Amino acid sequence: MKFVSFTAMSNRGLDKKVNQFLSENNHIEIIEIKFAASFGNIYAAIIYK
């Protein structure tokens, strides 16, 4: 399994980063996606094969 994380200051920015990763790597199998938010930042973590 592999892990990649993304950080952005808005939902729109995070959506762009995650969607770009997924479109460039359409051959991977997503195991889990987790989201978190803290002081002005939004995080996404993707675990995949």
PDB file of N, CA and C in Angstrom:
ATOM      1  N   MET A   1       0.837  -1.182   0.000  1.00  0.00           N
ATOM      2  CA  MET A   1       0.000   0.000   0.000  1.00  0.00           C
ATOM      3  C   MET A   1       0.878   1.241   0.000  1.00  0.00           C
ATOM      4  N   LYS A   2       0.337   2.291  -0.577  1.00  0.00           N
ATOM      5  CA  LYS A   2       1.034   3.570  -0.639  1.00  0.00           C
ATOM      6  C   LYS A   2       0.151   4.649  -0.047  1.00  0.00           C
ATOM      7  N   PHE A   3       0.764   5.771   0.279  1.00  0.00           N
ATOM      8  CA  PHE A   3       0.080   6.861   0.958  1.00  0.00           C
ATOM      9  C   PHE A   3       0.469   8.181   0.301  1.00  0.00           C
ATOM     10  N   VAL A   4      -0.510   9.039   0.083  1.00  0.00           N
ATOM     11  CA  VAL A   4      -0.247  10.382  -0.424  1.00  0.00           C
ATOM     12  C   VAL A   4      -1.163  11.345   0.327  1.00  0.00           C
ATOM     13  N   SER A   5      -0.663  12.537   0.616  1.00  0.00           N
ATOM     14  CA  SER A   5      -1.485  13.519   1.326  1.00  0.00           C
ATOM     15  C   SER A   5      -1.489  14.840   0.579  1.00  0.00           C
ATOM     16  N   PHE A   6      -2.547  15.600   0.795  1.00  0.00           N
ATOM     17  CA  PHE A   6      -2.731  16.894   0.151  1.00  0.00           C
ATOM     18  C   PHE A   6      -3.170  17.907   1.192  1.00  0.00           C
ATOM     19  N   THR A   7      -2.752  19.150   0.999  1.00  0.00           N
ATOM     20  CA  THR A   7      -3.138  20.250   1.878  1.00  0.00           C
ATOM     21  C   THR A   7      -3.586  21.414   1.020  1.00  0.00           C
ATOM     22  N   ALA A   8      -4.642  22.095   1.459  1.00  0.00           N
ATOM     23  CA  ALA A   8      -5.120  23.280   0.747  1.00  0.00           C
ATOM     24  C   ALA A   8      -5.788  24.213   1.744  1.00  0.00           C
ATOM     25  N   MET A   9      -6.029  25.436   1.290  1.00  0.00           N
ATOM     26  CA  MET A   9      -6.670  26.421   2.163  1.00  0.00           C
ATOM     27  C   MET A   9      -8.178  26.498   1.940  1.00  0.00           C
ATOM     28  N   SER A  10      -8.691  25.803   0.911  1.00  0.00           N
ATOM     29  CA  SER A  10     -10.128  25.814   0.645  1.00  0.00           C
ATOM     30  C   SER A  10     -10.562  24.458   0.102  1.00  0.00           C
ATOM     31  N   ASN A  11     -11.858  24.217   0.175  1.00  0.00           N
ATOM     32  CA  ASN A  11     -12.405  22.975  -0.382  1.00  0.00           C
ATOM     33  C   ASN A  11     -12.130  22.880  -1.866  1.00  0.00           C
ATOM     34  N   ARG A  12     -12.281  23.983  -2.562  1.00  0.00           N
ATOM     35  CA  ARG A  12     -12.079  23.999  -4.010  1.00  0.00           C
ATOM     36  C   ARG A  12     -10.636  23.640  -4.362  1.00  0.00           C
ATOM     37  N   GLY A  13      -9.677  24.189  -3.628  1.00  0.00           N
ATOM     38  CA  GLY A  13      -8.272  23.883  -3.870  1.00  0.00           C
ATOM     39  C   GLY A  13      -7.949  22.424  -3.598  1.00  0.00           C
ATOM     40  N   LEU A  14      -8.513  21.886  -2.525  1.00  0.00           N
ATOM     41  CA  LEU A  14      -8.294  20.476  -2.195  1.00  0.00           C
ATOM     42  C   LEU A  14      -8.931  19.575  -3.242  1.00  0.00           C
ATOM     43  N   ASP A  15     -10.124  19.919  -3.691  1.00  0.00           N
ATOM     44  CA  ASP A  15     -10.792  19.145  -4.743  1.00  0.00           C
ATOM     45  C   ASP A  15      -9.941  19.086  -6.011  1.00  0.00           C
ATOM     46  N   LYS A  16      -9.369  20.218  -6.396  1.00  0.00           N
ATOM     47  CA  LYS A  16      -8.532  20.260  -7.601  1.00  0.00           C
ATOM     48  C   LYS A  16      -7.337  19.329  -7.465  1.00  0.00           C
ATOM     49  N   LYS A  17      -6.663  19.380  -6.317  1.00  0.00           N
ATOM     50  CA  LYS A  17      -5.469  18.556  -6.115  1.00  0.00           C
ATOM     51  C   LYS A  17      -5.805  17.073  -6.110  1.00  0.00           C
ATOM     52  N   VAL A  18      -6.858  16.698  -5.401  1.00  0.00           N
ATOM     53  CA  VAL A  18      -7.253  15.287  -5.322  1.00  0.00           C
ATOM     54  C   VAL A  18      -7.723  14.791  -6.684  1.00  0.00           C
ATOM     55  N   ASN A  19      -8.546  15.569  -7.375  1.00  0.00           N
ATOM     56  CA  ASN A  19      -9.036  15.164  -8.696  1.00  0.00           C
ATOM     57  C   ASN A  19      -7.907  15.028  -9.697  1.00  0.00           C
ATOM     58  N   GLN A  20      -6.928  15.911  -9.644  1.00  0.00           N
ATOM     59  CA  GLN A  20      -5.787  15.817 -10.554  1.00  0.00           C
ATOM     60  C   GLN A  20      -5.000  14.537 -10.284  1.00  0.00           C
ATOM     61  N   PHE A  21      -4.759  14.227  -9.011  1.00  0.00           N
ATOM     62  CA  PHE A  21      -4.044  12.996  -8.658  1.00  0.00           C
ATOM     63  C   PHE A  21      -4.802  11.771  -9.158  1.00  0.00           C
ATOM     64  N   LEU A  22      -6.109  11.750  -8.945  1.00  0.00           N
ATOM     65  CA  LEU A  22      -6.912  10.598  -9.356  1.00  0.00           C
ATOM     66  C   LEU A  22      -6.973  10.453 -10.873  1.00  0.00           C
ATOM     67  N   SER A  23      -7.048  11.559 -11.602  1.00  0.00           N
ATOM     68  CA  SER A  23      -7.100  11.460 -13.063  1.00  0.00           C
ATOM     69  C   SER A  23      -5.759  11.029 -13.645  1.00  0.00           C
ATOM     70  N   GLU A  24      -4.655  11.426 -13.019  1.00  0.00           N
ATOM     71  CA  GLU A  24      -3.327  11.026 -13.493  1.00  0.00           C
ATOM     72  C   GLU A  24      -2.997   9.583 -13.129  1.00  0.00           C
ATOM     73  N   ASN A  25      -3.672   9.059 -12.117  1.00  0.00           N
ATOM     74  CA  ASN A  25      -3.396   7.708 -11.626  1.00  0.00           C
ATOM     75  C   ASN A  25      -4.667   6.874 -11.633  1.00  0.00           C
ATOM     76  N   ASN A  26      -5.341   6.805 -12.773  1.00  0.00           N
ATOM     77  CA  ASN A  26      -6.625   6.106 -12.844  1.00  0.00           C
ATOM     78  C   ASN A  26      -6.496   4.587 -12.756  1.00  0.00           C
ATOM     79  N   HIS A  27      -5.287   4.060 -12.745  1.00  0.00           N
ATOM     80  CA  HIS A  27      -5.059   2.619 -12.659  1.00  0.00           C
ATOM     81  C   HIS A  27      -4.931   2.121 -11.215  1.00  0.00           C
ATOM     82  N   ILE A  28      -4.938   3.021 -10.236  1.00  0.00           N
ATOM     83  CA  ILE A  28      -4.737   2.609  -8.846  1.00  0.00           C
ATOM     84  C   ILE A  28      -6.053   2.174  -8.214  1.00  0.00           C
ATOM     85  N   GLU A  29      -5.935   1.416  -7.138  1.00  0.00           N
ATOM     86  CA  GLU A  29      -7.095   0.986  -6.359  1.00  0.00           C
ATOM     87  C   GLU A  29      -7.086   1.757  -5.045  1.00  0.00           C
ATOM     88  N   ILE A  30      -8.127   2.563  -4.816  1.00  0.00           N
ATOM     89  CA  ILE A  30      -8.232   3.365  -3.604  1.00  0.00           C
ATOM     90  C   ILE A  30      -8.691   2.474  -2.455  1.00  0.00           C
ATOM     91  N   ILE A  31      -7.922   2.473  -1.382  1.00  0.00           N
ATOM     92  CA  ILE A  31      -8.291   1.718  -0.185  1.00  0.00           C
ATOM     93  C   ILE A  31      -9.126   2.589   0.757  1.00  0.00           C
ATOM     94  N   GLU A  32      -8.640   3.822   0.991  1.00  0.00           N
ATOM     95  CA  GLU A  32      -9.328   4.711   1.919  1.00  0.00           C
ATOM     96  C   GLU A  32      -8.933   6.158   1.651  1.00  0.00           C
ATOM     97  N   ILE A  33      -9.880   7.066   1.852  1.00  0.00           N
ATOM     98  CA  ILE A  33      -9.614   8.496   1.784  1.00  0.00           C
ATOM     99  C   ILE A  33     -10.090   9.110   3.094  1.00  0.00           C
ATOM    100  N   LYS A  34      -9.212   9.874   3.742  1.00  0.00           N
ATOM    101  CA  LYS A  34      -9.565  10.539   5.000  1.00  0.00           C
ATOM    102  C   LYS A  34      -9.389  12.036   4.833  1.00  0.00           C
ATOM    103  N   PHE A  35     -10.274  12.791   5.471  1.00  0.00           N
ATOM    104  CA  PHE A  35     -10.228  14.240   5.425  1.00  0.00           C
ATOM    105  C   PHE A  35     -10.125  14.786   6.837  1.00  0.00           C
ATOM    106  N   ALA A  36      -9.442  15.928   6.978  1.00  0.00           N
ATOM    107  CA  ALA A  36      -9.342  16.607   8.267  1.00  0.00           C
ATOM    108  C   ALA A  36      -9.233  18.101   8.003  1.00  0.00           C
ATOM    109  N   ALA A  37      -9.602  18.891   8.998  1.00  0.00           N
ATOM    110  CA  ALA A  37      -9.495  20.344   8.876  1.00  0.00           C
ATOM    111  C   ALA A  37      -8.939  20.907  10.174  1.00  0.00           C
ATOM    112  N   SER A  38      -8.130  21.938  10.037  1.00  0.00           N
ATOM    113  CA  SER A  38      -7.618  22.644  11.201  1.00  0.00           C
ATOM    114  C   SER A  38      -7.489  24.111  10.844  1.00  0.00           C
ATOM    115  N   PHE A  39      -6.880  24.869  11.637  1.00  0.00           N
ATOM    116  CA  PHE A  39      -6.779  26.317  11.535  1.00  0.00           C
ATOM    117  C   PHE A  39      -6.448  26.815  10.132  1.00  0.00           C
ATOM    118  N   GLY A  40      -7.450  26.945   9.289  1.00  0.00           N
ATOM    119  CA  GLY A  40      -7.281  27.505   7.964  1.00  0.00           C
ATOM    120  C   GLY A  40      -6.829  26.536   6.888  1.00  0.00           C
ATOM    121  N   ASN A  41      -6.597  25.290   7.212  1.00  0.00           N
ATOM    122  CA  ASN A  41      -6.158  24.312   6.221  1.00  0.00           C
ATOM    123  C   ASN A  41      -7.072  23.099   6.218  1.00  0.00           C
ATOM    124  N   ILE A  42      -7.165  22.476   5.056  1.00  0.00           N
ATOM    125  CA  ILE A  42      -7.927  21.247   4.882  1.00  0.00           C
ATOM    126  C   ILE A  42      -6.961  20.202   4.359  1.00  0.00           C
ATOM    127  N   TYR A  43      -7.048  19.002   4.889  1.00  0.00           N
ATOM    128  CA  TYR A  43      -6.130  17.928   4.534  1.00  0.00           C
ATOM    129  C   TYR A  43      -6.905  16.732   3.976  1.00  0.00           C
ATOM    130  N   ALA A  44      -6.282  16.036   3.062  1.00  0.00           N
ATOM    131  CA  ALA A  44      -6.821  14.784   2.554  1.00  0.00           C
ATOM    132  C   ALA A  44      -5.666  13.776   2.490  1.00  0.00           C
ATOM    133  N   ALA A  45      -5.945  12.564   2.891  1.00  0.00           N
ATOM    134  CA  ALA A  45      -4.958  11.488   2.816  1.00  0.00           C
ATOM    135  C   ALA A  45      -5.586  10.328   2.046  1.00  0.00           C
ATOM    136  N   ILE A  46      -4.842   9.796   1.092  1.00  0.00           N
ATOM    137  CA  ILE A  46      -5.333   8.703   0.277  1.00  0.00           C
ATOM    138  C   ILE A  46      -4.392   7.522   0.459  1.00  0.00           C
ATOM    139  N   ILE A  47      -4.981   6.391   0.810  1.00  0.00           N
ATOM    140  CA  ILE A  47      -4.230   5.132   0.891  1.00  0.00           C
ATOM    141  C   ILE A  47      -4.666   4.308  -0.314  1.00  0.00           C
ATOM    142  N   TYR A  48      -3.686   3.809  -1.081  1.00  0.00           N
ATOM    143  CA  TYR A  48      -4.008   3.113  -2.319  1.00  0.00           C
ATOM    144  C   TYR A  48      -3.012   2.009  -2.623  1.00  0.00           C
ATOM    145  N   LYS A  49      -3.400   1.157  -3.579  1.00  0.00           N
ATOM    146  CA  LYS A  49      -2.509   0.099  -4.085  1.00  0.00           C
ATOM    147  C   LYS A  49      -2.135   0.426  -5.509  1.00  0.00           C
TER     148      LYS A  49
END
